[in-house]
Amino acid sequence: MGSAAGGGVAADYAVSHPDRLLSLVINSNPAGLSGGDIVKPYESLRPKGFEGMPADFRELGPSYRAANPAGVKTWLELQHKAVTSNPFRQKAANVITEATLKRLPLPTL
């Protein structure tokens, strides 16, 4: 299972190791896709300049931010501790496309 940024990691792992795949669940992420029909609506939901917005705005929902200021404060403290320098992201082993995902084995019911 991959959620948020982990969705792309989960898809990359699944494509790299289909023999180890029992199931795959990806949420809150377009599965690491770099284009196609799935990505278009996902990208259209993000306001212009989204990547440059503060991390708490991007990652925490508005109702959570409004109802739980103490939780937001704690989240920001943890996020600050977790990011100590320029983030390094390991490159994916695969280019994930809709065709690549369609080649994954489907479970037999």
PDB file of N, CA and C in Angstrom:
ATOM      1  N   MET A   1       0.846  -1.172   0.000  1.00  0.00           N
ATOM      2  CA  MET A   1       0.000   0.000   0.000  1.00  0.00           C
ATOM      3  C   MET A   1       0.890   1.233   0.000  1.00  0.00           C
ATOM      4  N   GLY A   2       0.508   2.198  -0.799  1.00  0.00           N
ATOM      5  CA  GLY A   2       1.231   3.457  -0.827  1.00  0.00           C
ATOM      6  C   GLY A   2       0.262   4.614  -0.738  1.00  0.00           C
ATOM      7  N   SER A   3       0.572   5.564   0.112  1.00  0.00           N
ATOM      8  CA  SER A   3      -0.278   6.731   0.289  1.00  0.00           C
ATOM      9  C   SER A   3       0.560   7.980   0.061  1.00  0.00           C
ATOM     10  N   ALA A   4      -0.048   8.989  -0.549  1.00  0.00           N
ATOM     11  CA  ALA A   4       0.627  10.250  -0.850  1.00  0.00           C
ATOM     12  C   ALA A   4       1.892   9.949  -1.653  1.00  0.00           C
ATOM     13  N   ALA A   5       3.043  10.483  -1.253  1.00  0.00           N
ATOM     14  CA  ALA A   5       4.274  10.268  -2.017  1.00  0.00           C
ATOM     15  C   ALA A   5       4.648   8.789  -2.092  1.00  0.00           C
ATOM     16  N   GLY A   6       4.204   8.014  -1.116  1.00  0.00           N
ATOM     17  CA  GLY A   6       4.485   6.580  -1.128  1.00  0.00           C
ATOM     18  C   GLY A   6       3.761   5.831  -2.237  1.00  0.00           C
ATOM     19  N   GLY A   7       2.752   6.457  -2.850  1.00  0.00           N
ATOM     20  CA  GLY A   7       2.047   5.820  -3.958  1.00  0.00           C
ATOM     21  C   GLY A   7       2.950   5.560  -5.151  1.00  0.00           C
ATOM     22  N   GLY A   8       3.787   6.517  -5.465  1.00  0.00           N
ATOM     23  CA  GLY A   8       4.738   6.334  -6.556  1.00  0.00           C
ATOM     24  C   GLY A   8       5.769   5.270  -6.235  1.00  0.00           C
ATOM     25  N   VAL A   9       6.208   5.232  -4.969  1.00  0.00           N
ATOM     26  CA  VAL A   9       7.169   4.223  -4.536  1.00  0.00           C
ATOM     27  C   VAL A   9       6.543   2.830  -4.624  1.00  0.00           C
ATOM     28  N   ALA A  10       5.288   2.720  -4.180  1.00  0.00           N
ATOM     29  CA  ALA A  10       4.598   1.423  -4.236  1.00  0.00           C
ATOM     30  C   ALA A  10       4.423   0.959  -5.678  1.00  0.00           C
ATOM     31  N   ALA A  11       4.050   1.862  -6.570  1.00  0.00           N
ATOM     32  CA  ALA A  11       3.886   1.501  -7.984  1.00  0.00           C
ATOM     33  C   ALA A  11       5.220   1.069  -8.587  1.00  0.00           C
ATOM     34  N   ASP A  12       6.291   1.792  -8.274  1.00  0.00           N
ATOM     35  CA  ASP A  12       7.615   1.448  -8.787  1.00  0.00           C
ATOM     36  C   ASP A  12       8.035   0.065  -8.281  1.00  0.00           C
ATOM     37  N   TYR A  13       7.794  -0.217  -7.008  1.00  0.00           N
ATOM     38  CA  TYR A  13       8.128  -1.524  -6.444  1.00  0.00           C
ATOM     39  C   TYR A  13       7.311  -2.623  -7.137  1.00  0.00           C
ATOM     40  N   ALA A  14       6.025  -2.370  -7.324  1.00  0.00           N
ATOM     41  CA  ALA A  14       5.153  -3.370  -7.950  1.00  0.00           C
ATOM     42  C   ALA A  14       5.616  -3.689  -9.368  1.00  0.00           C
ATOM     43  N   VAL A  15       6.004  -2.665 -10.121  1.00  0.00           N
ATOM     44  CA  VAL A  15       6.468  -2.886 -11.495  1.00  0.00           C
ATOM     45  C   VAL A  15       7.816  -3.602 -11.490  1.00  0.00           C
ATOM     46  N   SER A  16       8.668  -3.274 -10.523  1.00  0.00           N
ATOM     47  CA  SER A  16       9.983  -3.921 -10.434  1.00  0.00           C
ATOM     48  C   SER A  16       9.905  -5.368  -9.976  1.00  0.00           C
ATOM     49  N   HIS A  17       8.900  -5.678  -9.135  1.00  0.00           N
ATOM     50  CA  HIS A  17       8.810  -7.018  -8.532  1.00  0.00           C
ATOM     51  C   HIS A  17       7.397  -7.584  -8.633  1.00  0.00           C
ATOM     52  N   PRO A  18       6.864  -7.755  -9.836  1.00  0.00           N
ATOM     53  CA  PRO A  18       5.492  -8.257  -9.950  1.00  0.00           C
ATOM     54  C   PRO A  18       5.323  -9.661  -9.358  1.00  0.00           C
ATOM     55  N   ASP A  19       6.405 -10.426  -9.297  1.00  0.00           N
ATOM     56  CA  ASP A  19       6.341 -11.766  -8.719  1.00  0.00           C
ATOM     57  C   ASP A  19       6.115 -11.728  -7.205  1.00  0.00           C
ATOM     58  N   ARG A  20       6.376 -10.605  -6.574  1.00  0.00           N
ATOM     59  CA  ARG A  20       6.189 -10.460  -5.129  1.00  0.00           C
ATOM     60  C   ARG A  20       4.875  -9.771  -4.787  1.00  0.00           C
ATOM     61  N   LEU A  21       4.081  -9.458  -5.785  1.00  0.00           N
ATOM     62  CA  LEU A  21       2.881  -8.666  -5.600  1.00  0.00           C
ATOM     63  C   LEU A  21       1.667  -9.552  -5.331  1.00  0.00           C
ATOM     64  N   LEU A  22       1.057  -9.360  -4.163  1.00  0.00           N
ATOM     65  CA  LEU A  22      -0.204 -10.026  -3.854  1.00  0.00           C
ATOM     66  C   LEU A  22      -1.364  -9.089  -4.152  1.00  0.00           C
ATOM     67  N   SER A  23      -1.174  -7.808  -3.861  1.00  0.00           N
ATOM     68  CA  SER A  23      -2.168  -6.781  -4.164  1.00  0.00           C
ATOM     69  C   SER A  23      -1.460  -5.435  -4.135  1.00  0.00           C
ATOM     70  N   LEU A  24      -2.134  -4.433  -4.633  1.00  0.00           N
ATOM     71  CA  LEU A  24      -1.564  -3.092  -4.647  1.00  0.00           C
ATOM     72  C   LEU A  24      -2.681  -2.085  -4.413  1.00  0.00           C
ATOM     73  N   VAL A  25      -2.492  -1.248  -3.406  1.00  0.00           N
ATOM     74  CA  VAL A  25      -3.449  -0.190  -3.104  1.00  0.00           C
ATOM     75  C   VAL A  25      -2.671   1.123  -3.087  1.00  0.00           C
ATOM     76  N   ILE A  26      -3.139   2.088  -3.861  1.00  0.00           N
ATOM     77  CA  ILE A  26      -2.523   3.411  -3.892  1.00  0.00           C
ATOM     78  C   ILE A  26      -3.619   4.437  -3.674  1.00  0.00           C
ATOM     79  N   ASN A  27      -3.393   5.345  -2.725  1.00  0.00           N
ATOM     80  CA  ASN A  27      -4.377   6.400  -2.508  1.00  0.00           C
ATOM     81  C   ASN A  27      -3.680   7.745  -2.355  1.00  0.00           C
ATOM     82  N   SER A  28      -4.416   8.792  -2.645  1.00  0.00           N
ATOM     83  CA  SER A  28      -3.920  10.167  -2.541  1.00  0.00           C
ATOM     84  C   SER A  28      -2.679  10.402  -3.395  1.00  0.00           C
ATOM     85  N   ASN A  29      -2.618   9.728  -4.523  1.00  0.00           N
ATOM     86  CA  ASN A  29      -1.468   9.847  -5.422  1.00  0.00           C
ATOM     87  C   ASN A  29      -1.860   9.263  -6.768  1.00  0.00           C
ATOM     88  N   PRO A  30      -1.388   9.838  -7.873  1.00  0.00           N
ATOM     89  CA  PRO A  30      -1.709   9.256  -9.172  1.00  0.00           C
ATOM     90  C   PRO A  30      -0.778   8.101  -9.542  1.00  0.00           C
ATOM     91  N   ALA A  31      -0.323   7.343  -8.559  1.00  0.00           N
ATOM     92  CA  ALA A  31       0.463   6.122  -8.751  1.00  0.00           C
ATOM     93  C   ALA A  31       1.819   6.374  -9.389  1.00  0.00           C
ATOM     94  N   GLY A  32       2.363   7.565  -9.225  1.00  0.00           N
ATOM     95  CA  GLY A  32       3.666   7.855  -9.805  1.00  0.00           C
ATOM     96  C   GLY A  32       3.634   8.077 -11.303  1.00  0.00           C
ATOM     97  N   LEU A  33       2.441   8.160 -11.859  1.00  0.00           N
ATOM     98  CA  LEU A  33       2.320   8.362 -13.303  1.00  0.00           C
ATOM     99  C   LEU A  33       2.822   9.742 -13.702  1.00  0.00           C
ATOM    100  N   SER A  34       3.443   9.797 -14.865  1.00  0.00           N
ATOM    101  CA  SER A  34       3.947  11.079 -15.334  1.00  0.00           C
ATOM    102  C   SER A  34       3.055  11.664 -16.421  1.00  0.00           C
ATOM    103  N   GLY A  35       1.965  11.031 -16.723  1.00  0.00           N
ATOM    104  CA  GLY A  35       1.041  11.534 -17.735  1.00  0.00           C
ATOM    105  C   GLY A  35      -0.131  10.583 -17.872  1.00  0.00           C
ATOM    106  N   GLY A  36      -1.053  10.928 -18.733  1.00  0.00           N
ATOM    107  CA  GLY A  36      -2.192  10.060 -18.998  1.00  0.00           C
ATOM    108  C   GLY A  36      -3.462  10.549 -18.341  1.00  0.00           C
ATOM    109  N   ASP A  37      -4.517   9.792 -18.553  1.00  0.00           N
ATOM    110  CA  ASP A  37      -5.846  10.182 -18.094  1.00  0.00           C
ATOM    111  C   ASP A  37      -5.969  10.293 -16.579  1.00  0.00           C
ATOM    112  N   ILE A  38      -5.224   9.490 -15.835  1.00  0.00           N
ATOM    113  CA  ILE A  38      -5.308   9.540 -14.374  1.00  0.00           C
ATOM    114  C   ILE A  38      -4.689  10.835 -13.846  1.00  0.00           C
ATOM    115  N   VAL A  39      -3.619  11.274 -14.445  1.00  0.00           N
ATOM    116  CA  VAL A  39      -2.879  12.438 -13.952  1.00  0.00           C
ATOM    117  C   VAL A  39      -3.614  13.744 -14.230  1.00  0.00           C
ATOM    118  N   LYS A  40      -4.308  13.839 -15.341  1.00  0.00           N
ATOM    119  CA  LYS A  40      -4.960  15.096 -15.719  1.00  0.00           C
ATOM    120  C   LYS A  40      -5.903  15.631 -14.646  1.00  0.00           C
ATOM    121  N   PRO A  41      -6.866  14.860 -14.157  1.00  0.00           N
ATOM    122  CA  PRO A  41      -7.739  15.412 -13.109  1.00  0.00           C
ATOM    123  C   PRO A  41      -6.993  15.673 -11.801  1.00  0.00           C
ATOM    124  N   TYR A  42      -6.040  14.828 -11.471  1.00  0.00           N
ATOM    125  CA  TYR A  42      -5.244  15.015 -10.249  1.00  0.00           C
ATOM    126  C   TYR A  42      -4.524  16.353 -10.297  1.00  0.00           C
ATOM    127  N   GLU A  43      -3.862  16.628 -11.398  1.00  0.00           N
ATOM    128  CA  GLU A  43      -3.130  17.885 -11.528  1.00  0.00           C
ATOM    129  C   GLU A  43      -4.066  19.083 -11.591  1.00  0.00           C
ATOM    130  N   SER A  44      -5.245  18.907 -12.155  1.00  0.00           N
ATOM    131  CA  SER A  44      -6.178  20.031 -12.265  1.00  0.00           C
ATOM    132  C   SER A  44      -6.732  20.456 -10.901  1.00  0.00           C
ATOM    133  N   LEU A  45      -6.655  19.580  -9.906  1.00  0.00           N
ATOM    134  CA  LEU A  45      -7.137  19.902  -8.566  1.00  0.00           C
ATOM    135  C   LEU A  45      -6.164  20.787  -7.791  1.00  0.00           C
ATOM    136  N   ARG A  46      -4.916  20.789  -8.201  1.00  0.00           N
ATOM    137  CA  ARG A  46      -3.905  21.573  -7.488  1.00  0.00           C
ATOM    138  C   ARG A  46      -3.910  23.012  -7.995  1.00  0.00           C
ATOM    139  N   PRO A  47      -3.920  23.971  -7.080  1.00  0.00           N
ATOM    140  CA  PRO A  47      -3.849  25.369  -7.524  1.00  0.00           C
ATOM    141  C   PRO A  47      -2.468  25.688  -8.091  1.00  0.00           C
ATOM    142  N   LYS A  48      -2.403  26.695  -8.938  1.00  0.00           N
ATOM    143  CA  LYS A  48      -1.132  27.125  -9.507  1.00  0.00           C
ATOM    144  C   LYS A  48      -0.177  27.484  -8.362  1.00  0.00           C
ATOM    145  N   GLY A  49       1.058  27.020  -8.456  1.00  0.00           N
ATOM    146  CA  GLY A  49       2.047  27.289  -7.417  1.00  0.00           C
ATOM    147  C   GLY A  49       1.965  26.354  -6.223  1.00  0.00           C
ATOM    148  N   PHE A  50       1.216  25.257  -6.337  1.00  0.00           N
ATOM    149  CA  PHE A  50       0.994  24.340  -5.216  1.00  0.00           C
ATOM    150  C   PHE A  50       2.305  23.850  -4.604  1.00  0.00           C
ATOM    151  N   GLU A  51       3.259  23.468  -5.437  1.00  0.00           N
ATOM    152  CA  GLU A  51       4.522  22.913  -4.920  1.00  0.00           C
ATOM    153  C   GLU A  51       5.280  23.919  -4.070  1.00  0.00           C
ATOM    154  N   GLY A  52       5.085  25.214  -4.292  1.00  0.00           N
ATOM    155  CA  GLY A  52       5.777  26.223  -3.523  1.00  0.00           C
ATOM    156  C   GLY A  52       5.050  26.652  -2.259  1.00  0.00           C
ATOM    157  N   MET A  53       3.857  26.110  -2.040  1.00  0.00           N
ATOM    158  CA  MET A  53       3.081  26.472  -0.850  1.00  0.00           C
ATOM    159  C   MET A  53       3.643  25.785   0.389  1.00  0.00           C
ATOM    160  N   PRO A  54       3.382  26.324   1.581  1.00  0.00           N
ATOM    161  CA  PRO A  54       3.909  25.724   2.811  1.00  0.00           C
ATOM    162  C   PRO A  54       3.477  24.256   2.960  1.00  0.00           C
ATOM    163  N   ALA A  55       4.373  23.470   3.536  1.00  0.00           N
ATOM    164  CA  ALA A  55       4.138  22.027   3.662  1.00  0.00           C
ATOM    165  C   ALA A  55       2.848  21.718   4.410  1.00  0.00           C
ATOM    166  N   ASP A  56       2.541  22.471   5.471  1.00  0.00           N
ATOM    167  CA  ASP A  56       1.327  22.166   6.226  1.00  0.00           C
ATOM    168  C   ASP A  56       0.080  22.443   5.397  1.00  0.00           C
ATOM    169  N   PHE A  57       0.132  23.411   4.513  1.00  0.00           N
ATOM    170  CA  PHE A  57      -1.011  23.692   3.634  1.00  0.00           C
ATOM    171  C   PHE A  57      -1.195  22.556   2.628  1.00  0.00           C
ATOM    172  N   ARG A  58      -0.075  22.043   2.106  1.00  0.00           N
ATOM    173  CA  ARG A  58      -0.145  20.961   1.115  1.00  0.00           C
ATOM    174  C   ARG A  58      -0.552  19.632   1.744  1.00  0.00           C
ATOM    175  N   GLU A  59      -0.121  19.379   2.967  1.00  0.00           N
ATOM    176  CA  GLU A  59      -0.272  18.051   3.553  1.00  0.00           C
ATOM    177  C   GLU A  59      -1.432  17.895   4.528  1.00  0.00           C
ATOM    178  N   LEU A  60      -1.884  18.968   5.143  1.00  0.00           N
ATOM    179  CA  LEU A  60      -2.957  18.872   6.136  1.00  0.00           C
ATOM    180  C   LEU A  60      -4.222  19.513   5.586  1.00  0.00           C
ATOM    181  N   GLY A  61      -5.327  18.845   5.761  1.00  0.00           N
ATOM    182  CA  GLY A  61      -6.597  19.352   5.264  1.00  0.00           C
ATOM    183  C   GLY A  61      -7.041  20.603   5.996  1.00  0.00           C
ATOM    184  N   PRO A  62      -7.844  21.439   5.337  1.00  0.00           N
ATOM    185  CA  PRO A  62      -8.290  22.680   5.968  1.00  0.00           C
ATOM    186  C   PRO A  62      -9.114  22.451   7.227  1.00  0.00           C
ATOM    187  N   SER A  63      -9.948  21.421   7.251  1.00  0.00           N
ATOM    188  CA  SER A  63     -10.758  21.186   8.455  1.00  0.00           C
ATOM    189  C   SER A  63      -9.874  20.759   9.624  1.00  0.00           C
ATOM    190  N   TYR A  64      -8.827  19.976   9.345  1.00  0.00           N
ATOM    191  CA  TYR A  64      -7.897  19.582  10.406  1.00  0.00           C
ATOM    192  C   TYR A  64      -7.149  20.800  10.932  1.00  0.00           C
ATOM    193  N   ARG A  65      -6.670  21.637  10.014  1.00  0.00           N
ATOM    194  CA  ARG A  65      -5.935  22.837  10.436  1.00  0.00           C
ATOM    195  C   ARG A  65      -6.814  23.751  11.290  1.00  0.00           C
ATOM    196  N   ALA A  66      -8.092  23.869  10.918  1.00  0.00           N
ATOM    197  CA  ALA A  66      -9.004  24.750  11.655  1.00  0.00           C
ATOM    198  C   ALA A  66      -9.377  24.168  13.018  1.00  0.00           C
ATOM    199  N   ALA A  67      -9.578  22.863  13.084  1.00  0.00           N
ATOM    200  CA  ALA A  67     -10.089  22.246  14.313  1.00  0.00           C
ATOM    201  C   ALA A  67      -8.988  21.827  15.288  1.00  0.00           C
ATOM    202  N   ASN A  68      -7.753  21.737  14.810  1.00  0.00           N
ATOM    203  CA  ASN A  68      -6.714  21.174  15.662  1.00  0.00           C
ATOM    204  C   ASN A  68      -5.409  21.976  15.565  1.00  0.00           C
ATOM    205  N   PRO A  69      -5.390  23.218  16.030  1.00  0.00           N
ATOM    206  CA  PRO A  69      -4.159  24.006  15.951  1.00  0.00           C
ATOM    207  C   PRO A  69      -2.987  23.362  16.700  1.00  0.00           C
ATOM    208  N   ALA A  70      -3.272  22.671  17.807  1.00  0.00           N
ATOM    209  CA  ALA A  70      -2.186  22.005  18.541  1.00  0.00           C
ATOM    210  C   ALA A  70      -1.592  20.877  17.704  1.00  0.00           C
ATOM    211  N   GLY A  71      -2.446  20.145  16.995  1.00  0.00           N
ATOM    212  CA  GLY A  71      -1.962  19.088  16.114  1.00  0.00           C
ATOM    213  C   GLY A  71      -1.127  19.637  14.968  1.00  0.00           C
ATOM    214  N   VAL A  72      -1.539  20.777  14.423  1.00  0.00           N
ATOM    215  CA  VAL A  72      -0.776  21.424  13.355  1.00  0.00           C
ATOM    216  C   VAL A  72       0.590  21.845  13.881  1.00  0.00           C
ATOM    217  N   LYS A  73       0.619  22.410  15.081  1.00  0.00           N
ATOM    218  CA  LYS A  73       1.883  22.833  15.687  1.00  0.00           C
ATOM    219  C   LYS A  73       2.816  21.635  15.862  1.00  0.00           C
ATOM    220  N   THR A  74       2.285  20.530  16.356  1.00  0.00           N
ATOM    221  CA  THR A  74       3.090  19.320  16.537  1.00  0.00           C
ATOM    222  C   THR A  74       3.571  18.796  15.192  1.00  0.00           C
ATOM    223  N   TRP A  75       2.690  18.783  14.193  1.00  0.00           N
ATOM    224  CA  TRP A  75       3.056  18.308  12.857  1.00  0.00           C
ATOM    225  C   TRP A  75       4.192  19.155  12.291  1.00  0.00           C
ATOM    226  N   LEU A  76       4.080  20.482  12.428  1.00  0.00           N
ATOM    227  CA  LEU A  76       5.128  21.377  11.921  1.00  0.00           C
ATOM    228  C   LEU A  76       6.459  21.138  12.627  1.00  0.00           C
ATOM    229  N   GLU A  77       6.417  20.889  13.931  1.00  0.00           N
ATOM    230  CA  GLU A  77       7.649  20.603  14.674  1.00  0.00           C
ATOM    231  C   GLU A  77       8.293  19.314  14.167  1.00  0.00           C
ATOM    232  N   LEU A  78       7.482  18.284  13.966  1.00  0.00           N
ATOM    233  CA  LEU A  78       8.008  17.009  13.465  1.00  0.00           C
ATOM    234  C   LEU A  78       8.526  17.154  12.035  1.00  0.00           C
ATOM    235  N   GLN A  79       7.792  17.893  11.222  1.00  0.00           N
ATOM    236  CA  GLN A  79       8.212  18.099   9.830  1.00  0.00           C
ATOM    237  C   GLN A  79       9.529  18.853   9.786  1.00  0.00           C
ATOM    238  N   HIS A  80       9.695  19.837  10.656  1.00  0.00           N
ATOM    239  CA  HIS A  80      10.935  20.603  10.711  1.00  0.00           C
ATOM    240  C   HIS A  80      12.109  19.705  11.114  1.00  0.00           C
ATOM    241  N   LYS A  81      11.889  18.805  12.057  1.00  0.00           N
ATOM    242  CA  LYS A  81      12.948  17.878  12.480  1.00  0.00           C
ATOM    243  C   LYS A  81      13.283  16.879  11.376  1.00  0.00           C
ATOM    244  N   ALA A  82      12.284  16.480  10.589  1.00  0.00           N
ATOM    245  CA  ALA A  82      12.490  15.466   9.557  1.00  0.00           C
ATOM    246  C   ALA A  82      13.246  16.009   8.352  1.00  0.00           C
ATOM    247  N   VAL A  83      13.080  17.286   8.048  1.00  0.00           N
ATOM    248  CA  VAL A  83      13.730  17.882   6.882  1.00  0.00           C
ATOM    249  C   VAL A  83      14.866  18.758   7.384  1.00  0.00           C
ATOM    250  N   THR A  84      16.078  18.198   7.341  1.00  0.00           N
ATOM    251  CA  THR A  84      17.226  18.921   7.882  1.00  0.00           C
ATOM    252  C   THR A  84      18.090  19.564   6.806  1.00  0.00           C
ATOM    253  N   SER A  85      17.850  19.230   5.545  1.00  0.00           N
ATOM    254  CA  SER A  85      18.619  19.810   4.445  1.00  0.00           C
ATOM    255  C   SER A  85      17.771  19.734   3.185  1.00  0.00           C
ATOM    256  N   ASN A  86      18.377  20.015   2.054  1.00  0.00           N
ATOM    257  CA  ASN A  86      17.641  19.883   0.803  1.00  0.00           C
ATOM    258  C   ASN A  86      17.187  18.444   0.651  1.00  0.00           C
ATOM    259  N   PRO A  87      15.906  18.233   0.364  1.00  0.00           N
ATOM    260  CA  PRO A  87      15.422  16.856   0.267  1.00  0.00           C
ATOM    261  C   PRO A  87      16.074  16.116  -0.895  1.00  0.00           C
ATOM    262  N   PHE A  88      16.439  14.892  -0.635  1.00  0.00           N
ATOM    263  CA  PHE A  88      16.989  14.013  -1.663  1.00  0.00           C
ATOM    264  C   PHE A  88      15.955  12.950  -1.957  1.00  0.00           C
ATOM    265  N   ARG A  89      15.588  12.826  -3.190  1.00  0.00           N
ATOM    266  CA  ARG A  89      14.625  11.797  -3.572  1.00  0.00           C
ATOM    267  C   ARG A  89      15.307  10.792  -4.487  1.00  0.00           C
ATOM    268  N   GLN A  90      15.244   9.550  -4.072  1.00  0.00           N
ATOM    269  CA  GLN A  90      15.802   8.495  -4.898  1.00  0.00           C
ATOM    270  C   GLN A  90      14.992   8.392  -6.179  1.00  0.00           C
ATOM    271  N   LYS A  91      15.672   8.229  -7.300  1.00  0.00           N
ATOM    272  CA  LYS A  91      14.978   8.116  -8.572  1.00  0.00           C
ATOM    273  C   LYS A  91      14.284   6.764  -8.657  1.00  0.00           C
ATOM    274  N   ALA A  92      13.134   6.772  -9.307  1.00  0.00           N
ATOM    275  CA  ALA A  92      12.394   5.525  -9.511  1.00  0.00           C
ATOM    276  C   ALA A  92      13.167   4.636 -10.478  1.00  0.00           C
ATOM    277  N   ALA A  93      13.013   3.344 -10.329  1.00  0.00           N
ATOM    278  CA  ALA A  93      13.666   2.398 -11.227  1.00  0.00           C
ATOM    279  C   ALA A  93      12.936   2.308 -12.568  1.00  0.00           C
ATOM    280  N   ASN A  94      11.667   2.713 -12.590  1.00  0.00           N
ATOM    281  CA  ASN A  94      10.837   2.570 -13.782  1.00  0.00           C
ATOM    282  C   ASN A  94      10.137   3.880 -14.104  1.00  0.00           C
ATOM    283  N   VAL A  95       9.804   4.041 -15.368  1.00  0.00           N
ATOM    284  CA  VAL A  95       8.895   5.105 -15.763  1.00  0.00           C
ATOM    285  C   VAL A  95       7.505   4.485 -15.684  1.00  0.00           C
ATOM    286  N   ILE A  96       6.673   5.014 -14.805  1.00  0.00           N
ATOM    287  CA  ILE A  96       5.350   4.432 -14.589  1.00  0.00           C
ATOM    288  C   ILE A  96       4.369   5.073 -15.562  1.00  0.00           C
ATOM    289  N   THR A  97       3.756   4.230 -16.375  1.00  0.00           N
ATOM    290  CA  THR A  97       2.726   4.669 -17.313  1.00  0.00           C
ATOM    291  C   THR A  97       1.482   3.820 -17.068  1.00  0.00           C
ATOM    292  N   GLU A  98       0.369   4.234 -17.647  1.00  0.00           N
ATOM    293  CA  GLU A  98      -0.844   3.424 -17.516  1.00  0.00           C
ATOM    294  C   GLU A  98      -0.617   2.042 -18.123  1.00  0.00           C
ATOM    295  N   ALA A  99       0.105   1.975 -19.231  1.00  0.00           N
ATOM    296  CA  ALA A  99       0.391   0.678 -19.877  1.00  0.00           C
ATOM    297  C   ALA A  99       1.233  -0.205 -18.955  1.00  0.00           C
ATOM    298  N   THR A 100       2.196   0.390 -18.262  1.00  0.00           N
ATOM    299  CA  THR A 100       3.030  -0.368 -17.332  1.00  0.00           C
ATOM    300  C   THR A 100       2.177  -0.963 -16.216  1.00  0.00           C
ATOM    301  N   LEU A 101       1.282  -0.167 -15.664  1.00  0.00           N
ATOM    302  CA  LEU A 101       0.424  -0.663 -14.583  1.00  0.00           C
ATOM    303  C   LEU A 101      -0.540  -1.742 -15.079  1.00  0.00           C
ATOM    304  N   LYS A 102      -1.005  -1.628 -16.317  1.00  0.00           N
ATOM    305  CA  LYS A 102      -1.923  -2.634 -16.853  1.00  0.00           C
ATOM    306  C   LYS A 102      -1.240  -3.993 -17.032  1.00  0.00           C
ATOM    307  N   ARG A 103       0.085  -3.997 -17.120  1.00  0.00           N
ATOM    308  CA  ARG A 103       0.819  -5.269 -17.266  1.00  0.00           C
ATOM    309  C   ARG A 103       0.984  -6.004 -15.933  1.00  0.00           C
ATOM    310  N   LEU A 104       0.665  -5.356 -14.821  1.00  0.00           N
ATOM    311  CA  LEU A 104       0.792  -6.021 -13.534  1.00  0.00           C
ATOM    312  C   LEU A 104      -0.194  -7.195 -13.460  1.00  0.00           C
ATOM    313  N   PRO A 105       0.208  -8.276 -12.814  1.00  0.00           N
ATOM    314  CA  PRO A 105      -0.679  -9.427 -12.718  1.00  0.00           C
ATOM    315  C   PRO A 105      -1.914  -9.114 -11.863  1.00  0.00           C
ATOM    316  N   LEU A 106      -3.052  -9.521 -12.327  1.00  0.00           N
ATOM    317  CA  LEU A 106      -4.276  -9.342 -11.555  1.00  0.00           C
ATOM    318  C   LEU A 106      -4.528 -10.590 -10.728  1.00  0.00           C
ATOM    319  N   PRO A 107      -5.030 -10.426  -9.515  1.00  0.00           N
ATOM    320  CA  PRO A 107      -5.286 -11.594  -8.682  1.00  0.00           C
ATOM    321  C   PRO A 107      -6.396 -12.463  -9.267  1.00  0.00           C
ATOM    322  N   THR A 108      -6.275 -13.744  -9.056  1.00  0.00           N
ATOM    323  CA  THR A 108      -7.294 -14.690  -9.480  1.00  0.00           C
ATOM    324  C   THR A 108      -8.266 -14.893  -8.317  1.00  0.00           C
ATOM    325  N   LEU A 109      -9.542 -14.685  -8.577  1.00  0.00           N
ATOM    326  CA  LEU A 109     -10.540 -14.858  -7.524  1.00  0.00           C
ATOM    327  C   LEU A 109     -11.190 -16.209  -7.607  1.00  0.00           C
TER     328      LEU A 109
END
